[in-house]
Protein backbone atom coordinates (compact mmCIF):
# COMPACT_ATOMS: atom_id res chain seq x y z
CA MET A 1 56.94 97.61 -19.84
CA ILE A 2 57.19 93.98 -18.72
CA ARG A 3 60.95 94.13 -19.13
CA ARG A 4 61.17 97.21 -16.85
CA SER A 5 59.00 95.49 -14.25
CA ILE A 6 61.24 92.43 -14.27
CA VAL A 7 64.40 94.56 -13.92
CA PHE A 8 62.80 96.55 -11.10
CA ALA A 9 61.65 93.36 -9.34
CA LEU A 10 65.14 91.83 -9.63
CA ALA A 11 66.76 95.01 -8.33
CA LEU A 12 64.33 95.11 -5.40
CA LEU A 13 64.97 91.43 -4.68
CA LEU A 14 68.73 92.05 -4.72
CA VAL A 15 68.39 94.99 -2.28
CA LEU A 16 66.19 92.99 0.09
CA ALA A 17 68.46 89.95 -0.08
CA SER A 18 71.58 92.00 0.75
CA ALA A 19 70.01 93.82 3.74
CA PRO A 20 70.59 90.93 6.18
CA LEU A 21 74.21 90.74 5.02
CA ALA A 22 74.77 94.38 5.92
CA VAL A 23 73.35 93.78 9.40
CA ALA A 24 75.41 90.62 9.82
CA ASN A 25 78.60 92.48 8.97
CA ASP A 26 77.96 94.85 11.90
CA HIS A 27 77.97 91.89 14.30
CA GLY A 28 81.26 91.88 16.15
CA THR A 29 82.05 95.53 15.44
CA ALA A 30 83.64 97.23 18.44
CA ARG A 31 81.24 99.76 19.91
CA PRO A 32 81.81 102.16 22.82
CA ILE A 33 80.36 101.08 26.16
CA GLN A 34 80.18 102.91 29.45
CA ALA A 35 78.56 102.48 32.83
CA SER A 36 77.98 104.30 36.08
CA MET A 37 77.11 102.14 39.07
CA THR A 38 76.88 102.23 42.83
CA GLY A 39 76.66 99.39 45.31
CA GLU A 40 77.71 97.60 48.47
CA LEU A 41 80.76 95.50 49.21
CA HIS A 42 80.76 92.53 51.63
CA TRP A 43 83.22 89.80 52.56
CA LYS A 44 82.87 86.05 53.02
CA PHE A 45 85.48 84.53 55.32
CA ASP A 46 86.69 80.93 55.08
CA TRP A 47 89.88 80.82 57.13
CA GLY A 48 90.34 77.13 56.32
CA ASN A 49 90.77 77.87 52.61
CA GLU A 50 94.51 78.39 52.13
CA THR A 51 94.27 79.83 48.62
CA CYS A 52 91.33 82.17 49.25
CA PRO A 53 90.48 82.77 52.92
CA VAL A 54 88.47 85.87 51.99
CA THR A 55 86.07 86.43 49.10
CA THR A 56 85.03 89.97 48.26
CA VAL A 57 81.43 90.24 47.04
CA THR A 58 80.00 93.42 45.53
CA ASP A 59 76.44 93.96 44.36
CA SER A 60 75.95 97.09 42.29
CA TRP A 61 73.31 98.78 40.16
CA GLY A 62 73.10 101.65 37.71
CA THR A 63 73.07 102.21 33.97
CA MET A 64 75.23 100.67 31.27
CA SER A 65 75.07 101.52 27.59
CA HIS A 66 73.70 98.63 25.49
CA LEU A 67 72.04 97.20 28.65
CA GLY A 68 70.09 100.12 30.14
CA TRP A 69 69.26 99.69 33.84
CA THR A 70 71.75 97.09 35.06
CA THR A 71 72.58 95.11 38.17
CA ALA A 72 76.00 93.54 38.62
CA HIS A 73 77.46 90.89 40.90
CA TRP A 74 81.25 90.93 41.42
CA THR A 75 83.28 88.30 43.31
CA HIS A 76 87.01 87.80 43.75
CA CYS A 77 89.69 86.57 46.07
CA PRO A 78 91.63 89.73 46.96
CA PRO A 79 95.43 89.75 46.92
CA ILE A 80 95.82 88.88 50.60
CA VAL A 81 97.47 85.46 50.28
CA LEU A 82 98.19 85.44 46.55
CA PRO A 83 99.98 88.35 44.84
CA THR A 84 97.07 89.01 42.46
CA TYR A 85 93.32 88.87 42.21
CA SER A 86 92.01 85.38 41.57
CA ASN A 87 88.63 83.98 40.60
CA ALA A 88 87.52 87.52 39.73
CA HIS A 89 84.21 87.41 37.87
CA ALA A 90 81.45 89.93 37.21
CA VAL A 91 77.99 89.35 35.77
CA PHE A 92 76.05 92.35 34.44
CA VAL A 93 72.30 91.77 34.07
CA ALA A 94 70.10 93.98 31.87
CA ALA A 95 66.46 94.64 32.76
CA ASN A 96 65.36 92.09 30.13
CA GLY A 97 67.60 89.37 31.66
CA ASP A 98 70.40 89.44 29.04
CA ARG A 99 73.80 89.07 30.69
CA LEU A 100 77.38 90.11 30.11
CA ILE A 101 80.06 87.97 31.75
CA ALA A 102 83.47 89.40 32.58
CA THR A 103 86.72 88.79 34.44
CA TYR A 104 88.76 91.52 36.08
CA GLY A 105 91.86 92.30 38.09
CA ASN A 106 95.40 93.55 38.00
CA ASP A 107 98.51 92.71 39.98
CA ASP A 108 99.04 96.07 41.65
CA MET A 109 95.39 96.98 42.40
CA SER A 110 95.88 100.29 40.59
CA SER A 111 93.17 102.27 38.88
CA PRO A 112 91.81 101.77 36.35
CA MET A 113 91.05 98.11 36.94
CA PRO A 114 90.88 96.18 33.63
CA VAL A 115 87.60 94.33 33.04
CA THR A 116 87.50 91.81 30.17
CA ILE A 117 84.15 90.80 28.66
CA ILE A 118 84.27 87.05 27.95
CA GLY A 119 80.70 86.25 26.89
CA GLY A 120 77.08 86.64 27.69
CA THR A 121 73.54 85.48 27.11
CA GLY A 122 70.71 86.66 24.90
CA ARG A 123 71.89 89.30 22.46
CA PHE A 124 75.29 89.32 24.21
CA GLU A 125 76.04 85.66 23.50
CA GLY A 126 79.66 85.51 22.33
CA ALA A 127 80.34 89.11 23.38
CA THR A 128 83.93 90.28 23.77
CA GLY A 129 85.49 93.55 24.83
CA HIS A 130 87.18 95.40 27.61
CA LEU A 131 86.42 98.17 30.07
CA ASP A 132 88.48 100.33 32.39
CA LEU A 133 86.92 100.42 35.86
CA TYR A 134 87.51 103.48 37.99
CA VAL A 135 86.26 102.57 41.45
CA ASP A 136 85.88 104.33 44.78
CA ILE A 137 85.42 102.16 47.86
CA SER A 138 84.90 103.44 51.39
CA GLY A 139 84.17 101.78 54.69
CA GLU A 140 85.27 101.31 58.26
CA TRP A 141 87.27 98.68 60.12
CA GLY A 142 86.15 97.26 63.45
CA ASP A 143 88.28 96.96 66.59
CA ASP A 144 88.73 93.26 65.73
CA GLY A 145 90.48 94.19 62.46
CA LEU A 146 87.56 93.05 60.33
CA PRO A 147 85.51 95.32 58.08
CA ILE A 148 82.25 96.78 59.34
CA GLU A 149 79.83 95.91 56.55
CA PRO A 150 78.63 97.05 54.14
CA TRP A 151 81.21 99.27 52.49
CA SER A 152 80.08 101.67 49.79
CA TRP A 153 81.20 101.05 46.21
CA THR A 154 80.97 103.47 43.28
CA GLY A 155 82.30 102.66 39.83
CA VAL A 156 82.54 104.22 36.41
CA MET A 157 83.53 102.09 33.39
CA LYS A 158 84.47 102.96 29.82
CA GLY A 159 85.60 100.72 27.00
CA VAL A 160 84.50 98.80 23.91
CA ILE A 161 82.23 95.82 23.31
CA SER A 162 81.56 93.56 20.33
CA TYR A 163 78.43 91.43 20.11
């Protein structure tokens, strides 16, 4: 009887000790991620800046798997002077404050726009992955050739994330 109890206790100890290893092995596994967001697009003008006279700023909100209700802040220098997006960054913030940090852009401004996850905070620290952004932007131009703000922004993203 004592022998059976010892064997059972050792087996239970082995199962309990290996449980954290099973969870740890899931860390970094690519998981599907998707989002649906809407927002507003604005511009910041700095005509004295030769490399980026215009910065596009978008604030959006919606839902994102793994984050729940999410707000996002996007900024980039559009391909006006340079032939590609530059300084393109997005920060996705979950309701609990955890963040995903990403870069985005492509040379021909075609859809989908590639979004690359490069890190995060909280449970997303060290996150990696990629998303395809399908975006619809609409707005009007003023008689002076400048945009009448804000423009509407709607985006849908699908991809994979590891964290």
